[in-house]
Structure formats: C-alpha cells, structure tokens
Amino acid sequence: MKATKENIIKSAIKLFNTNGLVNVRLQHIADDAGISVGNLAYHYYSKKAIVAAIDNQLEDEIGAMLNATLDFPYLIDFDNHLSNYYDLLKRYSFYFLDVLELERAYPKLHIKRIDYINKLILQFHNWMVLNCKKGILQSETYTNQFANSALTIWMIITFWLTQQKVRGNIAENEGAFKEVVWNQLLPLFTETALMEYEAIILPQLKYY
C-alpha cells in the first residue's frame, strides 16, 4: 500500500511538472502510475488530496532548508545551499510555475507558501547581517539594503523557472541561476570575499 501511494505521488509530480496542475486529471495520474482510477481513489479521493500529500512532502524538504541557520564559514557553503534550492525548483517545478492556480484553488497551501516566503527572505537577510559582522560583506550604504537584497534573491528563486519559460529558455542551467543570485551580492563583497568568489565560486559557475 505504501509503495502504491508513493508511486501515485511520483506520477502526479511528474505530470504536474510536465503538463501543469490544471491540465492533469486523476485518470492521467492513474494511467501513468499503472493502476485503475478506482485504486487511485482508494488511496487519494481527489486531486486536492494528492496535492495536499505533495505539499506535506515538500514541507519536510523545504522546512529543513528554511530552518538552516546559514552560519556558513565559506562562500562555497552558501553556493551549495543555492544548489539545494535549485534542485527543489526542478523537482517541484509546478509549485513555482503554477503560483496563481495554487493560490486560487488551494488557499490553505497558499497560506503555507506565505510562511515559506517570509522565512526564506528572513533567512537570506540574516545571512547577510551575519557575514557583514564577519567582514565578508560591507556595511549597508542605504536603509534596508540587506532587506531589499534578500527580497530580490527570493524573487529570483521563486520566479526563475517562470521567466525561463516565458523567454523560451528551456535548457536547464544551474550555473546561470546561481550567477544571477550571486550578482545581487557582488557589490556588497569585501576584498577578501571577492578574492574567494573569483577563486572558488566563479570557476564552478562556468562549469555548468
């Protein structure tokens, strides 16, 4: 029974990612999972129940990332954290592409999303404040500079896939994603951080 439920969720995520949340019916999920609709309904009585189960799975994954303190000693640790977010984007792409559909049809999930958003922005803001104290980032030169930079990083993470689709850039490129995020931080780097970035981070971005 557990294996069947996992298979249903796996098929649903794949189809939601490929076809969009609104275009997938229970029959599609059942066909992909290789079971009857009746069998699927025994485990999940509706598409909303499936989406709720996926959200619980996502909550476990994103919760661990959002609860990380980001007390990283090196920039490469932050870069690895961005890789984790990129991996999440790709595995649950419908969650980021179908933002309005989720908000309209699944209001309870949207409330959770707002909580994720606030925690994500705060996480990056705290990372900047911490690394300013460590001498990695320069002090703010204008009011709310760190807060605005954290907000911009959230927007990049959340809408990266959307802008890729809109502009017709279907190729997966983690390096391009991370480079755009890093470019929000480059003007804040101290000389020490810039040397570390050019020696360690930049070569990895060109690798992708």
Protein backbone atom coordinates (compact mmCIF):
# COMPACT_ATOMS: atom_id res chain seq x y z
CA MET A 1 0.00 0.00 0.00
CA LYS A 2 2.82 2.41 0.86
CA ALA A 3 4.57 1.67 -2.42
CA THR A 4 1.36 2.36 -4.36
CA LYS A 5 0.85 5.70 -2.62
CA GLU A 6 4.45 6.69 -3.30
CA ASN A 7 4.04 5.71 -6.95
CA ILE A 8 0.90 7.83 -7.25
CA ILE A 9 2.67 10.87 -5.78
CA LYS A 10 5.66 10.33 -8.05
CA SER A 11 3.42 10.15 -11.15
CA ALA A 12 1.41 13.19 -10.05
CA ILE A 13 4.51 15.34 -9.55
CA LYS A 14 5.87 14.30 -12.94
CA LEU A 15 2.61 15.11 -14.72
CA PHE A 16 2.05 18.38 -12.85
CA ASN A 17 5.58 19.45 -13.76
CA THR A 18 5.17 18.49 -17.41
CA ASN A 19 1.58 19.49 -18.17
CA GLY A 20 0.66 22.00 -15.49
CA LEU A 21 -1.52 21.48 -12.45
CA VAL A 22 -4.81 22.46 -14.09
CA ASN A 23 -4.37 20.11 -17.06
CA VAL A 24 -3.89 16.88 -15.13
CA ARG A 25 -6.85 14.67 -14.16
CA LEU A 26 -6.99 11.63 -11.91
CA GLN A 27 -7.21 9.38 -14.99
CA HIS A 28 -3.89 10.74 -16.24
CA ILE A 29 -2.23 10.05 -12.90
CA ALA A 30 -3.71 6.55 -12.69
CA ASP A 31 -2.56 5.73 -16.22
CA ASP A 32 0.96 6.92 -15.52
CA ALA A 33 1.08 5.02 -12.24
CA GLY A 34 -0.21 1.87 -13.98
CA ILE A 35 -3.28 1.47 -11.78
CA SER A 36 -7.04 1.94 -12.13
CA VAL A 37 -8.77 5.17 -11.15
CA GLY A 38 -10.65 3.19 -8.53
CA ASN A 39 -7.40 2.02 -6.99
CA LEU A 40 -6.07 5.58 -7.05
CA ALA A 41 -9.25 6.90 -5.42
CA TYR A 42 -8.87 4.31 -2.66
CA HIS A 43 -5.60 5.99 -1.66
CA TYR A 44 -6.42 9.60 -2.65
CA TYR A 45 -10.07 10.51 -3.11
CA SER A 46 -9.36 13.65 -5.19
CA LYS A 47 -6.68 15.68 -6.90
CA LYS A 48 -6.76 18.06 -3.95
CA ALA A 49 -5.85 15.17 -1.67
CA ILE A 50 -2.90 14.35 -3.91
CA VAL A 51 -1.76 17.97 -3.97
CA ALA A 52 -2.06 18.11 -0.17
CA ALA A 53 0.10 14.99 0.13
CA ILE A 54 2.71 16.52 -2.17
CA ASP A 55 2.64 19.69 -0.11
CA ASN A 56 3.33 17.68 3.05
CA GLN A 57 6.28 16.06 1.31
CA LEU A 58 7.52 19.44 0.12
CA GLU A 59 7.08 20.88 3.60
CA ASP A 60 9.50 18.34 5.03
CA GLU A 61 12.14 19.17 2.43
CA ILE A 62 11.82 22.92 2.30
CA GLY A 63 11.36 23.11 6.07
CA ALA A 64 14.81 21.64 6.66
CA MET A 65 16.34 24.17 4.27
CA LEU A 66 14.49 27.11 5.77
CA ASN A 67 15.47 26.13 9.29
CA ALA A 68 19.16 26.13 8.41
CA THR A 69 20.98 28.94 10.21
CA LEU A 70 23.26 29.63 7.21
CA ASP A 71 26.12 30.17 9.64
CA PHE A 72 28.48 29.15 6.85
CA PRO A 73 32.22 29.81 7.20
CA TYR A 74 32.83 29.94 3.43
CA LEU A 75 31.04 31.22 0.35
CA ILE A 76 31.08 27.73 -1.16
CA ASP A 77 28.73 26.61 1.62
CA PHE A 78 26.24 29.27 0.56
CA ASP A 79 26.71 28.21 -3.05
CA ASN A 80 25.86 24.63 -2.08
CA HIS A 81 22.74 25.93 -0.35
CA LEU A 82 21.71 27.59 -3.61
CA SER A 83 22.21 24.23 -5.34
CA ASN A 84 19.74 22.70 -2.90
CA TYR A 85 17.17 25.35 -3.76
CA TYR A 86 17.74 24.80 -7.47
CA ASP A 87 17.22 21.08 -7.04
CA LEU A 88 13.94 21.81 -5.26
CA LEU A 89 12.88 24.08 -8.13
CA LYS A 90 13.42 21.34 -10.67
CA ARG A 91 11.78 18.51 -8.71
CA TYR A 92 8.69 20.53 -7.79
CA SER A 93 8.60 22.94 -10.72
CA PHE A 94 4.79 23.08 -10.86
CA TYR A 95 4.77 24.54 -7.35
CA PHE A 96 6.69 27.54 -8.65
CA LEU A 97 5.20 27.75 -12.15
CA ASP A 98 1.53 27.43 -11.17
CA VAL A 99 1.60 30.07 -8.46
CA LEU A 100 -1.77 31.68 -9.23
CA GLU A 101 -3.51 28.32 -9.77
CA LEU A 102 -2.34 27.11 -6.37
CA GLU A 103 -3.41 30.36 -4.73
CA ARG A 104 -6.90 30.24 -6.24
CA ALA A 105 -7.67 26.54 -5.93
CA TYR A 106 -5.71 25.68 -2.79
CA PRO A 107 -5.91 28.64 -0.36
CA LYS A 108 -4.60 26.61 2.59
CA LEU A 109 -1.48 25.76 0.63
CA HIS A 110 -1.09 29.41 -0.26
CA ILE A 111 -1.08 30.33 3.42
CA LYS A 112 1.78 27.88 3.88
CA ARG A 113 3.55 29.42 0.90
CA ILE A 114 3.40 32.86 2.51
CA ASP A 115 5.06 31.39 5.60
CA TYR A 116 7.79 29.84 3.42
CA ILE A 117 8.34 33.16 1.66
CA ASN A 118 8.75 35.11 4.88
CA LYS A 119 11.15 32.54 6.31
CA LEU A 120 13.20 32.45 3.11
CA ILE A 121 13.57 36.23 2.95
CA LEU A 122 14.49 36.35 6.64
CA GLN A 123 16.99 33.53 6.17
CA PHE A 124 18.93 35.38 3.49
CA HIS A 125 18.68 38.67 5.35
CA ASN A 126 20.14 37.08 8.48
CA TRP A 127 22.93 35.53 6.40
CA MET A 128 23.88 38.98 5.10
CA VAL A 129 23.83 40.55 8.55
CA LEU A 130 25.96 37.73 9.94
CA ASN A 131 28.51 37.95 7.15
CA CYS A 132 28.68 41.70 7.46
CA LYS A 133 29.82 41.16 11.06
CA LYS A 134 32.38 38.62 9.83
CA GLY A 135 33.82 41.09 7.32
CA ILE A 136 32.59 39.15 4.29
CA LEU A 137 30.05 41.79 3.27
CA GLN A 138 30.36 45.54 3.51
CA SER A 139 28.05 47.51 5.75
CA GLU A 140 24.78 48.76 4.30
CA THR A 141 25.21 52.02 2.45
CA TYR A 142 21.50 52.83 2.46
CA THR A 143 18.50 51.93 4.58
CA ASN A 144 17.13 48.38 4.13
CA GLN A 145 19.82 47.43 1.62
CA PHE A 146 20.16 43.90 3.03
CA ALA A 147 16.38 43.52 3.31
CA ASN A 148 15.90 44.56 -0.33
CA SER A 149 18.68 42.26 -1.49
CA ALA A 150 17.10 39.35 0.41
CA LEU A 151 13.76 40.16 -1.23
CA THR A 152 15.41 40.17 -4.66
CA ILE A 153 17.03 36.79 -4.02
CA TRP A 154 13.63 35.36 -3.04
CA MET A 155 12.13 36.67 -6.28
CA ILE A 156 14.93 35.08 -8.31
CA ILE A 157 14.45 31.70 -6.63
CA THR A 158 10.66 31.74 -6.87
CA PHE A 159 10.30 33.05 -10.40
CA TRP A 160 13.42 31.68 -12.06
CA LEU A 161 11.59 28.87 -13.84
CA THR A 162 8.71 31.16 -14.84
CA GLN A 163 10.96 33.67 -16.57
CA GLN A 164 12.80 30.80 -18.28
CA LYS A 165 9.52 29.50 -19.71
CA VAL A 166 8.28 32.95 -20.73
CA ARG A 167 11.52 33.74 -22.55
CA GLY A 168 11.71 30.31 -24.15
CA ASN A 169 14.86 29.25 -22.33
CA ILE A 170 14.07 25.60 -21.71
CA ALA A 171 17.64 24.43 -21.14
CA GLU A 172 18.45 23.61 -17.53
CA ASN A 173 21.31 25.72 -16.26
CA GLU A 174 22.05 25.77 -12.57
CA GLY A 175 25.10 27.93 -13.14
CA ALA A 176 23.04 30.73 -14.71
CA PHE A 177 20.58 30.58 -11.84
CA LYS A 178 23.28 30.85 -9.19
CA GLU A 179 25.18 33.54 -11.08
CA VAL A 180 22.12 35.81 -11.04
CA VAL A 181 21.81 35.31 -7.27
CA TRP A 182 25.49 35.94 -6.67
CA ASN A 183 25.34 39.12 -8.75
CA GLN A 184 22.96 40.57 -6.16
CA LEU A 185 25.69 40.11 -3.55
CA LEU A 186 28.81 41.03 -5.50
CA PRO A 187 28.50 44.80 -4.91
CA LEU A 188 28.48 44.08 -1.17
CA PHE A 189 31.61 41.93 -1.12
CA THR A 190 34.70 43.00 0.75
CA GLU A 191 38.03 42.47 -0.96
CA THR A 192 38.51 39.19 0.91
CA ALA A 193 35.14 37.88 -0.23
CA LEU A 194 35.74 38.94 -3.81
CA MET A 195 39.02 37.00 -3.89
CA GLU A 196 37.26 33.91 -2.53
CA TYR A 197 34.45 34.30 -5.06
CA GLU A 198 36.78 34.62 -8.04
CA ALA A 199 38.96 31.73 -6.93
CA ILE A 200 36.30 29.22 -5.86
CA ILE A 201 32.76 30.16 -6.88
CA LEU A 202 33.22 31.67 -10.34
CA PRO A 203 35.05 28.65 -11.83
CA GLN A 204 32.21 26.40 -10.68
CA LEU A 205 29.58 28.64 -12.27
CA LYS A 206 31.37 28.38 -15.60
CA TYR A 207 31.40 24.59 -15.24
CA TYR A 208 27.61 24.29 -15.65
